[in-house]
Amino acid sequence: MEKTTLKLEIELSQELAEKMAGLTAMNGEANQSVLAQIFDYKNKPNDLSDLDNSFWYYLKRFSEDSFAHVIAQDSWYSFLRDVLVEELEGMDEDEVMEFVQQQDWNSLVFRALENSNVNGSYTCNSYKSKKILFDYWGDIDADEVETNAFEEPEAFLVEVMILNSITLLNSSELDLDSEEFEDMDEFLNYLKEARL
């Protein structure tokens, strides 16, 4: 099958590049704001082919705050999976694979969510923590958590994320114990493709 290459080369200020580097999946409004700055007309390359030009306008449309983004109704466990994948992607591969090869899912989760556990918050924002808890409340297993969700929502969220992530990695849905992974990319792709 014949393939076509799309190519966009956009020059950014150092400040904007640093904003991009700090983005996470948790803050949709900030992501869209940065995209809007990237796809400002002043950054539009002048020598685009017709196809690349169409691609640029397509991406620009997604960056506009008037665009209605349809949010997938994902599950609590798919949310946890996405958080784990994001955190693991920033870790040292040898360290991750040591946990994977030992099938030490408890240690893997604690290491991946270490910063949130130390800080006592995943979102560093009480309102955002409450919103996540509200969105997934019916699916959260908090039987072993003593922290009060209403008095300390940030700490409560971290605790259930850790405990439920361990449950997820040990679950029959993922069946990780029966799999062998050659490298971190293979492991992360397996997690990403899991239907949860």
N, C-alpha and C. Protein backbone atom coordinates (compact mmCIF):
# COMPACT_ATOMS: atom_id res chain seq x y z
N MET A 1 0.84 -1.18 0.00
CA MET A 1 0.00 0.00 0.00
C MET A 1 0.89 1.25 0.00
N GLU A 2 0.59 2.16 -0.88
CA GLU A 2 1.37 3.39 -1.00
C GLU A 2 1.11 4.29 0.19
N LYS A 3 2.15 4.91 0.72
CA LYS A 3 2.03 5.76 1.90
C LYS A 3 2.45 7.19 1.58
N THR A 4 1.89 8.12 2.33
CA THR A 4 2.20 9.54 2.19
C THR A 4 2.74 10.07 3.50
N THR A 5 3.77 10.90 3.42
CA THR A 5 4.37 11.47 4.63
C THR A 5 3.86 12.89 4.85
N LEU A 6 3.36 13.14 6.07
CA LEU A 6 2.96 14.48 6.47
C LEU A 6 4.09 15.07 7.30
N LYS A 7 4.42 16.34 7.04
CA LYS A 7 5.54 16.94 7.75
C LYS A 7 5.21 18.38 8.13
N LEU A 8 5.32 18.65 9.44
CA LEU A 8 5.16 20.00 9.94
C LEU A 8 6.37 20.36 10.78
N GLU A 9 6.99 21.48 10.50
CA GLU A 9 8.11 21.96 11.30
C GLU A 9 7.75 23.33 11.83
N ILE A 10 7.52 23.41 13.14
CA ILE A 10 7.04 24.65 13.75
C ILE A 10 8.07 25.15 14.76
N GLU A 11 8.48 26.38 14.65
CA GLU A 11 9.42 26.97 15.59
C GLU A 11 8.67 27.52 16.79
N LEU A 12 9.14 27.16 17.99
CA LEU A 12 8.50 27.59 19.23
C LEU A 12 9.48 28.38 20.08
N SER A 13 8.92 29.25 20.91
CA SER A 13 9.77 29.94 21.88
C SER A 13 10.18 28.93 22.95
N GLN A 14 11.27 29.21 23.63
CA GLN A 14 11.73 28.33 24.71
C GLN A 14 10.68 28.22 25.80
N GLU A 15 10.00 29.33 26.07
CA GLU A 15 8.96 29.34 27.11
C GLU A 15 7.82 28.39 26.75
N LEU A 16 7.40 28.42 25.49
CA LEU A 16 6.31 27.55 25.05
C LEU A 16 6.75 26.09 25.05
N ALA A 17 8.00 25.85 24.66
CA ALA A 17 8.52 24.48 24.67
C ALA A 17 8.53 23.93 26.09
N GLU A 18 8.87 24.77 27.07
CA GLU A 18 8.89 24.34 28.46
C GLU A 18 7.47 24.06 28.97
N LYS A 19 6.50 24.85 28.50
CA LYS A 19 5.11 24.58 28.86
C LYS A 19 4.67 23.23 28.32
N MET A 20 5.06 22.95 27.07
CA MET A 20 4.72 21.66 26.47
C MET A 20 5.30 20.51 27.28
N ALA A 21 6.54 20.66 27.71
CA ALA A 21 7.23 19.60 28.45
C ALA A 21 6.55 19.32 29.78
N GLY A 22 5.86 20.31 30.32
CA GLY A 22 5.22 20.16 31.62
C GLY A 22 3.78 19.70 31.57
N LEU A 23 3.24 19.45 30.38
CA LEU A 23 1.84 19.05 30.26
C LEU A 23 1.63 17.62 30.72
N THR A 24 0.46 17.38 31.27
CA THR A 24 0.06 16.00 31.61
C THR A 24 -1.35 15.78 31.09
N ALA A 25 -1.76 14.53 31.10
CA ALA A 25 -3.09 14.19 30.59
C ALA A 25 -4.20 14.72 31.49
N MET A 26 -3.85 15.15 32.71
CA MET A 26 -4.88 15.55 33.67
C MET A 26 -5.47 16.92 33.39
N ASN A 27 -4.77 17.80 32.67
CA ASN A 27 -5.23 19.18 32.55
C ASN A 27 -5.57 19.51 31.10
N GLY A 28 -6.79 19.18 30.71
CA GLY A 28 -7.22 19.40 29.34
C GLY A 28 -7.20 20.85 28.92
N GLU A 29 -7.62 21.76 29.82
CA GLU A 29 -7.67 23.18 29.48
C GLU A 29 -6.27 23.73 29.20
N ALA A 30 -5.29 23.33 30.03
CA ALA A 30 -3.92 23.79 29.82
C ALA A 30 -3.37 23.23 28.52
N ASN A 31 -3.67 21.96 28.24
CA ASN A 31 -3.20 21.35 26.99
C ASN A 31 -3.73 22.11 25.80
N GLN A 32 -5.03 22.44 25.83
CA GLN A 32 -5.64 23.13 24.71
C GLN A 32 -5.08 24.54 24.56
N SER A 33 -4.80 25.18 25.69
CA SER A 33 -4.24 26.52 25.65
C SER A 33 -2.86 26.51 24.98
N VAL A 34 -2.02 25.53 25.34
CA VAL A 34 -0.69 25.43 24.74
C VAL A 34 -0.80 25.10 23.26
N LEU A 35 -1.71 24.20 22.91
CA LEU A 35 -1.91 23.88 21.49
C LEU A 35 -2.33 25.12 20.70
N ALA A 36 -3.20 25.93 21.30
CA ALA A 36 -3.66 27.15 20.62
C ALA A 36 -2.49 28.09 20.35
N GLN A 37 -1.53 28.15 21.29
CA GLN A 37 -0.36 29.01 21.08
C GLN A 37 0.55 28.43 20.00
N ILE A 38 0.66 27.12 19.96
CA ILE A 38 1.50 26.47 18.95
C ILE A 38 0.93 26.71 17.55
N PHE A 39 -0.40 26.55 17.45
CA PHE A 39 -1.03 26.68 16.13
C PHE A 39 -1.59 28.07 15.90
N ASP A 40 -0.90 29.06 16.46
CA ASP A 40 -1.20 30.45 16.15
C ASP A 40 -0.73 30.72 14.72
N TYR A 41 -1.45 31.57 14.01
CA TYR A 41 -1.10 31.83 12.60
C TYR A 41 0.33 32.34 12.42
N LYS A 42 0.86 33.04 13.45
CA LYS A 42 2.22 33.56 13.32
C LYS A 42 3.25 32.45 13.28
N ASN A 43 2.88 31.24 13.75
CA ASN A 43 3.80 30.10 13.73
C ASN A 43 3.62 29.22 12.49
N LYS A 44 2.67 29.56 11.67
CA LYS A 44 2.37 28.71 10.51
C LYS A 44 3.49 28.80 9.47
N PRO A 45 4.09 27.64 9.12
CA PRO A 45 5.14 27.65 8.09
C PRO A 45 4.59 28.14 6.75
N ASN A 46 5.45 28.74 5.97
CA ASN A 46 5.01 29.32 4.70
C ASN A 46 5.08 28.35 3.52
N ASP A 47 5.90 27.31 3.64
CA ASP A 47 6.18 26.47 2.48
C ASP A 47 5.53 25.09 2.57
N LEU A 48 4.30 25.02 3.09
CA LEU A 48 3.62 23.74 3.25
C LEU A 48 3.03 23.26 1.93
N SER A 49 3.07 21.97 1.74
CA SER A 49 2.36 21.39 0.59
C SER A 49 0.86 21.50 0.87
N ASP A 50 0.03 21.24 -0.14
CA ASP A 50 -1.42 21.33 0.04
C ASP A 50 -1.89 20.39 1.14
N LEU A 51 -1.33 19.17 1.15
CA LEU A 51 -1.74 18.18 2.14
C LEU A 51 -1.28 18.58 3.54
N ASP A 52 -0.02 19.03 3.67
CA ASP A 52 0.48 19.48 4.96
C ASP A 52 -0.29 20.69 5.47
N ASN A 53 -0.68 21.56 4.53
CA ASN A 53 -1.46 22.74 4.88
C ASN A 53 -2.82 22.33 5.48
N SER A 54 -3.44 21.35 4.85
CA SER A 54 -4.72 20.84 5.36
C SER A 54 -4.54 20.23 6.74
N PHE A 55 -3.44 19.52 6.93
CA PHE A 55 -3.15 18.89 8.21
C PHE A 55 -2.96 19.95 9.29
N TRP A 56 -2.28 21.04 8.96
CA TRP A 56 -2.05 22.13 9.92
C TRP A 56 -3.39 22.71 10.37
N TYR A 57 -4.29 22.98 9.41
CA TYR A 57 -5.59 23.55 9.76
C TYR A 57 -6.44 22.56 10.56
N TYR A 58 -6.27 21.29 10.28
CA TYR A 58 -6.99 20.25 11.03
C TYR A 58 -6.56 20.27 12.50
N LEU A 59 -5.25 20.35 12.74
CA LEU A 59 -4.74 20.40 14.11
C LEU A 59 -5.12 21.72 14.79
N LYS A 60 -5.10 22.79 14.03
CA LYS A 60 -5.47 24.10 14.59
C LYS A 60 -6.91 24.06 15.08
N ARG A 61 -7.79 23.39 14.34
CA ARG A 61 -9.21 23.32 14.73
C ARG A 61 -9.35 22.64 16.11
N PHE A 62 -8.55 21.62 16.37
CA PHE A 62 -8.61 20.94 17.66
C PHE A 62 -8.10 21.81 18.79
N SER A 63 -7.28 22.81 18.45
CA SER A 63 -6.68 23.66 19.49
C SER A 63 -7.61 24.80 19.91
N GLU A 64 -8.67 25.02 19.17
CA GLU A 64 -9.56 26.16 19.46
C GLU A 64 -10.54 25.80 20.57
N ASP A 65 -10.76 26.74 21.49
CA ASP A 65 -11.64 26.44 22.63
C ASP A 65 -13.10 26.33 22.22
N SER A 66 -13.43 26.69 20.99
CA SER A 66 -14.80 26.51 20.51
C SER A 66 -15.07 25.09 20.06
N PHE A 67 -14.00 24.28 19.94
CA PHE A 67 -14.16 22.90 19.49
C PHE A 67 -14.67 22.05 20.64
N ALA A 68 -15.72 21.31 20.39
CA ALA A 68 -16.31 20.44 21.42
C ALA A 68 -15.60 19.10 21.41
N HIS A 69 -14.87 18.80 22.48
CA HIS A 69 -14.18 17.52 22.59
C HIS A 69 -15.11 16.50 23.23
N VAL A 70 -15.30 15.40 22.55
CA VAL A 70 -16.10 14.33 23.11
C VAL A 70 -15.21 13.52 24.05
N ILE A 71 -15.58 13.45 25.31
CA ILE A 71 -14.78 12.74 26.30
C ILE A 71 -15.26 11.31 26.42
N ALA A 72 -14.36 10.39 26.20
CA ALA A 72 -14.72 8.98 26.31
C ALA A 72 -15.10 8.64 27.75
N GLN A 73 -16.11 7.81 27.89
CA GLN A 73 -16.54 7.38 29.22
C GLN A 73 -15.68 6.20 29.65
N ASP A 74 -14.47 6.50 30.06
CA ASP A 74 -13.56 5.42 30.43
C ASP A 74 -13.86 4.94 31.84
N SER A 75 -13.30 3.83 32.18
CA SER A 75 -13.53 3.24 33.50
C SER A 75 -12.45 3.70 34.48
N TRP A 76 -12.70 3.45 35.75
CA TRP A 76 -11.72 3.74 36.80
C TRP A 76 -10.41 3.02 36.52
N TYR A 77 -10.50 1.75 36.10
CA TYR A 77 -9.28 0.99 35.87
C TYR A 77 -8.55 1.44 34.60
N SER A 78 -9.26 1.92 33.61
CA SER A 78 -8.55 2.45 32.44
C SER A 78 -7.88 3.78 32.79
N PHE A 79 -8.50 4.55 33.69
CA PHE A 79 -7.86 5.78 34.19
C PHE A 79 -6.57 5.44 34.92
N LEU A 80 -6.63 4.43 35.81
CA LEU A 80 -5.43 4.03 36.55
C LEU A 80 -4.35 3.53 35.60
N ARG A 81 -4.76 2.73 34.61
CA ARG A 81 -3.80 2.23 33.62
C ARG A 81 -3.10 3.38 32.91
N ASP A 82 -3.87 4.39 32.50
CA ASP A 82 -3.28 5.53 31.79
C ASP A 82 -2.31 6.30 32.68
N VAL A 83 -2.65 6.45 33.96
CA VAL A 83 -1.75 7.13 34.90
C VAL A 83 -0.46 6.34 35.06
N LEU A 84 -0.58 5.02 35.25
CA LEU A 84 0.60 4.18 35.40
C LEU A 84 1.50 4.26 34.18
N VAL A 85 0.90 4.16 33.00
CA VAL A 85 1.68 4.22 31.76
C VAL A 85 2.43 5.54 31.67
N GLU A 86 1.75 6.63 31.98
CA GLU A 86 2.39 7.96 31.91
C GLU A 86 3.57 8.05 32.87
N GLU A 87 3.38 7.54 34.08
CA GLU A 87 4.46 7.59 35.07
C GLU A 87 5.61 6.65 34.69
N LEU A 88 5.29 5.46 34.22
CA LEU A 88 6.33 4.49 33.87
C LEU A 88 7.15 4.95 32.69
N GLU A 89 6.53 5.68 31.76
CA GLU A 89 7.26 6.17 30.59
C GLU A 89 8.39 7.12 30.99
N GLY A 90 8.28 7.74 32.15
CA GLY A 90 9.32 8.66 32.61
C GLY A 90 10.36 8.01 33.50
N MET A 91 10.24 6.70 33.70
CA MET A 91 11.18 6.00 34.57
C MET A 91 12.28 5.29 33.79
N ASP A 92 13.30 4.89 34.49
CA ASP A 92 14.41 4.16 33.89
C ASP A 92 13.94 2.76 33.47
N GLU A 93 14.24 2.38 32.23
CA GLU A 93 13.75 1.10 31.70
C GLU A 93 14.27 -0.09 32.51
N ASP A 94 15.53 -0.07 32.89
CA ASP A 94 16.10 -1.19 33.64
C ASP A 94 15.37 -1.38 34.97
N GLU A 95 15.04 -0.28 35.61
CA GLU A 95 14.33 -0.35 36.89
C GLU A 95 12.93 -0.94 36.70
N VAL A 96 12.23 -0.44 35.69
CA VAL A 96 10.87 -0.94 35.41
C VAL A 96 10.90 -2.42 35.08
N MET A 97 11.83 -2.82 34.20
CA MET A 97 11.86 -4.21 33.75
C MET A 97 12.28 -5.17 34.86
N GLU A 98 13.03 -4.68 35.84
CA GLU A 98 13.38 -5.54 36.97
C GLU A 98 12.11 -5.92 37.75
N PHE A 99 11.24 -4.93 37.98
CA PHE A 99 9.97 -5.22 38.64
C PHE A 99 9.11 -6.16 37.78
N VAL A 100 9.07 -5.88 36.46
CA VAL A 100 8.24 -6.67 35.56
C VAL A 100 8.70 -8.12 35.53
N GLN A 101 9.99 -8.32 35.38
CA GLN A 101 10.51 -9.69 35.29
C GLN A 101 10.34 -10.46 36.60
N GLN A 102 10.33 -9.74 37.72
CA GLN A 102 10.09 -10.38 39.01
C GLN A 102 8.60 -10.49 39.32
N GLN A 103 7.79 -9.89 38.43
CA GLN A 103 6.34 -9.83 38.62
C GLN A 103 6.00 -9.24 39.98
N ASP A 104 6.76 -8.23 40.35
CA ASP A 104 6.58 -7.54 41.62
C ASP A 104 5.71 -6.30 41.36
N TRP A 105 4.42 -6.54 41.20
CA TRP A 105 3.51 -5.46 40.80
C TRP A 105 3.30 -4.46 41.93
N ASN A 106 3.35 -4.91 43.18
CA ASN A 106 3.21 -3.97 44.30
C ASN A 106 4.31 -2.92 44.28
N SER A 107 5.56 -3.37 44.16
CA SER A 107 6.69 -2.44 44.14
C SER A 107 6.66 -1.54 42.92
N LEU A 108 6.20 -2.09 41.80
CA LEU A 108 6.12 -1.30 40.56
C LEU A 108 5.14 -0.14 40.75
N VAL A 109 3.99 -0.43 41.34
CA VAL A 109 2.98 0.61 41.55
C VAL A 109 3.49 1.66 42.53
N PHE A 110 4.06 1.23 43.64
CA PHE A 110 4.56 2.18 44.64
C PHE A 110 5.66 3.06 44.05
N ARG A 111 6.50 2.48 43.20
CA ARG A 111 7.57 3.27 42.57
C ARG A 111 6.99 4.24 41.55
N ALA A 112 6.02 3.79 40.76
CA ALA A 112 5.42 4.65 39.73
C ALA A 112 4.68 5.83 40.36
N LEU A 113 4.02 5.59 41.48
CA LEU A 113 3.23 6.65 42.12
C LEU A 113 3.94 7.24 43.34
N GLU A 114 5.24 7.08 43.37
CA GLU A 114 6.03 7.52 44.53
C GLU A 114 5.88 9.01 44.79
N ASN A 115 5.96 9.83 43.76
CA ASN A 115 5.87 11.28 43.96
C ASN A 115 4.52 11.68 44.56
N SER A 116 3.45 11.08 44.03
CA SER A 116 2.12 11.39 44.56
C SER A 116 2.00 10.93 46.00
N ASN A 117 2.58 9.78 46.29
CA ASN A 117 2.50 9.23 47.65
C ASN A 117 3.28 10.12 48.63
N VAL A 118 4.45 10.58 48.22
CA VAL A 118 5.27 11.45 49.08
C VAL A 118 4.58 12.80 49.28
N ASN A 119 4.02 13.35 48.19
CA ASN A 119 3.36 14.66 48.26
C ASN A 119 1.99 14.59 48.92
N GLY A 120 1.43 13.39 48.99
CA GLY A 120 0.09 13.25 49.55
C GLY A 120 -1.00 13.69 48.61
N SER A 121 -0.65 13.86 47.33
CA SER A 121 -1.65 14.28 46.35
C SER A 121 -1.21 13.92 44.94
N TYR A 122 -2.15 13.50 44.12
CA TYR A 122 -1.86 13.25 42.70
C TYR A 122 -2.08 14.51 41.88
N THR A 123 -3.09 15.29 42.25
CA THR A 123 -3.46 16.47 41.46
C THR A 123 -2.89 17.76 42.01
N CYS A 124 -2.47 17.75 43.30
CA CYS A 124 -2.06 18.99 43.99
C CYS A 124 -3.18 20.02 43.96
N ASN A 125 -4.41 19.51 43.97
CA ASN A 125 -5.58 20.38 43.89
C ASN A 125 -6.78 19.63 44.46
N SER A 126 -7.35 20.15 45.52
CA SER A 126 -8.46 19.47 46.19
C SER A 126 -9.66 19.32 45.28
N TYR A 127 -9.97 20.37 44.51
CA TYR A 127 -11.14 20.32 43.61
C TYR A 127 -10.96 19.23 42.55
N LYS A 128 -9.77 19.15 41.95
CA LYS A 128 -9.53 18.14 40.92
C LYS A 128 -9.59 16.73 41.49
N SER A 129 -9.08 16.56 42.69
CA SER A 129 -9.15 15.25 43.34
C SER A 129 -10.60 14.84 43.57
N LYS A 130 -11.41 15.78 44.06
CA LYS A 130 -12.83 15.50 44.29
C LYS A 130 -13.53 15.15 42.97
N LYS A 131 -13.17 15.84 41.90
CA LYS A 131 -13.81 15.58 40.61
C LYS A 131 -13.49 14.17 40.12
N ILE A 132 -12.24 13.75 40.26
CA ILE A 132 -11.87 12.39 39.85
C ILE A 132 -12.64 11.37 40.69
N LEU A 133 -12.69 11.60 41.99
CA LEU A 133 -13.41 10.68 42.87
C LEU A 133 -14.90 10.64 42.51
N PHE A 134 -15.47 11.79 42.19
CA PHE A 134 -16.88 11.84 41.81
C PHE A 134 -17.12 11.07 40.52
N ASP A 135 -16.23 11.25 39.55
CA ASP A 135 -16.40 10.60 38.24
C ASP A 135 -16.37 9.08 38.34
N TYR A 136 -15.56 8.55 39.26
CA TYR A 136 -15.34 7.09 39.30
C TYR A 136 -15.81 6.45 40.61
N TRP A 137 -16.56 7.19 41.42
CA TRP A 137 -16.87 6.73 42.76
C TRP A 137 -17.45 5.31 42.81
N GLY A 138 -18.32 4.99 41.90
CA GLY A 138 -18.99 3.70 41.91
C GLY A 138 -18.06 2.52 41.66
N ASP A 139 -16.90 2.78 41.06
CA ASP A 139 -15.97 1.70 40.71
C ASP A 139 -14.78 1.58 41.67
N ILE A 140 -14.63 2.56 42.56
CA ILE A 140 -13.47 2.59 43.46
C ILE A 140 -13.65 1.61 44.62
N ASP A 141 -12.63 0.80 44.85
CA ASP A 141 -12.63 -0.11 46.00
C ASP A 141 -11.84 0.56 47.13
N ALA A 142 -12.56 1.00 48.14
CA ALA A 142 -11.92 1.72 49.25
C ALA A 142 -12.08 0.99 50.57
N ASP A 143 -12.33 -0.28 50.52
CA ASP A 143 -12.58 -1.06 51.74
C ASP A 143 -11.41 -1.00 52.73
N GLU A 144 -10.18 -0.93 52.21
CA GLU A 144 -9.02 -0.96 53.10
C GLU A 144 -8.47 0.44 53.39
N VAL A 145 -9.18 1.46 52.96
CA VAL A 145 -8.71 2.84 53.15
C VAL A 145 -9.41 3.47 54.34
N GLU A 146 -8.63 3.99 55.27
CA GLU A 146 -9.19 4.62 56.47
C GLU A 146 -9.32 6.13 56.34
N THR A 147 -8.60 6.73 55.40
CA THR A 147 -8.66 8.18 55.19
C THR A 147 -10.07 8.57 54.75
N ASN A 148 -10.57 9.67 55.29
CA ASN A 148 -11.91 10.15 54.95
C ASN A 148 -11.88 10.90 53.61
N ALA A 149 -12.67 10.42 52.65
CA ALA A 149 -12.66 11.01 51.30
C ALA A 149 -13.15 12.45 51.29
N PHE A 150 -14.02 12.81 52.23
CA PHE A 150 -14.60 14.15 52.23
C PHE A 150 -13.71 15.14 52.97
N GLU A 151 -13.01 14.67 53.97
CA GLU A 151 -12.13 15.56 54.73
C GLU A 151 -10.75 15.70 54.09
N GLU A 152 -10.25 14.61 53.49
CA GLU A 152 -8.93 14.62 52.86
C GLU A 152 -8.98 13.97 51.47
N PRO A 153 -9.65 14.62 50.53
CA PRO A 153 -9.83 14.00 49.21
C PRO A 153 -8.53 13.72 48.47
N GLU A 154 -7.53 14.58 48.64
CA GLU A 154 -6.27 14.37 47.92
C GLU A 154 -5.54 13.13 48.42
N ALA A 155 -5.45 13.00 49.74
CA ALA A 155 -4.79 11.83 50.32
C ALA A 155 -5.58 10.55 50.04
N PHE A 156 -6.91 10.66 50.11
CA PHE A 156 -7.77 9.51 49.84
C PHE A 156 -7.56 9.03 48.40
N LEU A 157 -7.52 9.97 47.46
CA LEU A 157 -7.33 9.60 46.05
C LEU A 157 -6.02 8.86 45.85
N VAL A 158 -4.95 9.35 46.43
CA VAL A 158 -3.65 8.69 46.28
C VAL A 158 -3.72 7.26 46.82
N GLU A 159 -4.35 7.10 47.98
CA GLU A 159 -4.42 5.76 48.58
C GLU A 159 -5.19 4.78 47.71
N VAL A 160 -6.35 5.21 47.21
CA VAL A 160 -7.13 4.28 46.38
C VAL A 160 -6.47 4.05 45.03
N MET A 161 -5.74 5.04 44.52
CA MET A 161 -5.02 4.84 43.26
C MET A 161 -3.96 3.76 43.43
N ILE A 162 -3.22 3.82 44.53
CA ILE A 162 -2.17 2.83 44.77
C ILE A 162 -2.77 1.44 44.97
N LEU A 163 -3.73 1.33 45.87
CA LEU A 163 -4.32 0.02 46.17
C LEU A 163 -5.04 -0.58 44.97
N ASN A 164 -5.80 0.25 44.26
CA ASN A 164 -6.56 -0.27 43.12
C ASN A 164 -5.66 -0.54 41.91
N SER A 165 -4.54 0.18 41.79
CA SER A 165 -3.57 -0.11 40.72
C SER A 165 -2.91 -1.47 40.95
N ILE A 166 -2.61 -1.77 42.22
CA ILE A 166 -2.04 -3.08 42.55
C ILE A 166 -3.04 -4.17 42.21
N THR A 167 -4.31 -3.93 42.55
CA THR A 167 -5.37 -4.89 42.20
C THR A 167 -5.44 -5.09 40.69
N LEU A 168 -5.35 -3.99 39.96
CA LEU A 168 -5.43 -4.06 38.50
C LEU A 168 -4.30 -4.91 37.92
N LEU A 169 -3.06 -4.65 38.35
CA LEU A 169 -1.92 -5.37 37.78
C LEU A 169 -1.92 -6.85 38.17
N ASN A 170 -2.62 -7.18 39.24
CA ASN A 170 -2.74 -8.58 39.65
C ASN A 170 -4.01 -9.24 39.12
N SER A 171 -4.79 -8.51 38.34
CA SER A 171 -6.10 -8.99 37.92
C SER A 171 -6.02 -9.99 36.77
N SER A 172 -7.07 -10.79 36.65
CA SER A 172 -7.17 -11.75 35.55
C SER A 172 -7.42 -11.04 34.22
N GLU A 173 -7.95 -9.80 34.29
CA GLU A 173 -8.18 -9.04 33.05
C GLU A 173 -6.86 -8.76 32.33
N LEU A 174 -5.84 -8.46 33.08
CA LEU A 174 -4.53 -8.22 32.47
C LEU A 174 -3.71 -9.50 32.35
N ASP A 175 -3.84 -10.38 33.34
CA ASP A 175 -3.15 -11.67 33.33
C ASP A 175 -1.65 -11.49 33.06
N LEU A 176 -1.04 -10.54 33.75
CA LEU A 176 0.37 -10.23 33.51
C LEU A 176 1.30 -11.38 33.88
N ASP A 177 0.90 -12.18 34.87
CA ASP A 177 1.79 -13.25 35.34
C ASP A 177 2.03 -14.32 34.28
N SER A 178 1.15 -14.39 33.28
CA SER A 178 1.33 -15.41 32.25
C SER A 178 2.03 -14.85 31.01
N GLU A 179 2.41 -13.57 31.05
CA GLU A 179 3.04 -12.92 29.91
C GLU A 179 4.54 -12.74 30.15
N GLU A 180 5.30 -12.70 29.06
CA GLU A 180 6.72 -12.37 29.13
C GLU A 180 6.98 -11.17 28.23
N PHE A 181 7.72 -10.22 28.75
CA PHE A 181 7.96 -8.97 28.02
C PHE A 181 9.46 -8.78 27.83
N GLU A 182 9.85 -8.51 26.59
CA GLU A 182 11.28 -8.35 26.28
C GLU A 182 11.81 -6.99 26.68
N ASP A 183 10.97 -5.97 26.59
CA ASP A 183 11.42 -4.63 26.95
C ASP A 183 10.25 -3.80 27.44
N MET A 184 10.54 -2.57 27.88
CA MET A 184 9.51 -1.72 28.46
C MET A 184 8.46 -1.33 27.45
N ASP A 185 8.85 -1.07 26.21
CA ASP A 185 7.88 -0.70 25.18
C ASP A 185 6.84 -1.79 25.00
N GLU A 186 7.28 -3.03 25.00
CA GLU A 186 6.35 -4.15 24.83
C GLU A 186 5.39 -4.22 26.02
N PHE A 187 5.92 -4.02 27.21
CA PHE A 187 5.09 -4.04 28.42
C PHE A 187 4.07 -2.91 28.40
N LEU A 188 4.51 -1.69 28.09
CA LEU A 188 3.61 -0.54 28.09
C LEU A 188 2.55 -0.67 27.00
N ASN A 189 2.94 -1.16 25.83
CA ASN A 189 1.96 -1.37 24.76
C ASN A 189 0.91 -2.39 25.15
N TYR A 190 1.33 -3.41 25.87
CA TYR A 190 0.38 -4.42 26.36
C TYR A 190 -0.65 -3.75 27.29
N LEU A 191 -0.16 -2.88 28.17
CA LEU A 191 -1.07 -2.19 29.08
C LEU A 191 -2.02 -1.26 28.30
N LYS A 192 -1.45 -0.53 27.34
CA LYS A 192 -2.26 0.44 26.57
C LYS A 192 -3.37 -0.25 25.78
N GLU A 193 -3.10 -1.44 25.28
CA GLU A 193 -4.06 -2.13 24.42
C GLU A 193 -5.09 -2.95 25.20
N ALA A 194 -4.89 -3.05 26.51
CA ALA A 194 -5.82 -3.85 27.32
C ALA A 194 -7.19 -3.18 27.35
N ARG A 195 -8.22 -3.96 27.20
CA ARG A 195 -9.60 -3.46 27.26
C ARG A 195 -10.08 -3.53 28.71
N LEU A 196 -10.23 -2.36 29.32
CA LEU A 196 -10.58 -2.31 30.74
C LEU A 196 -11.90 -1.59 30.95
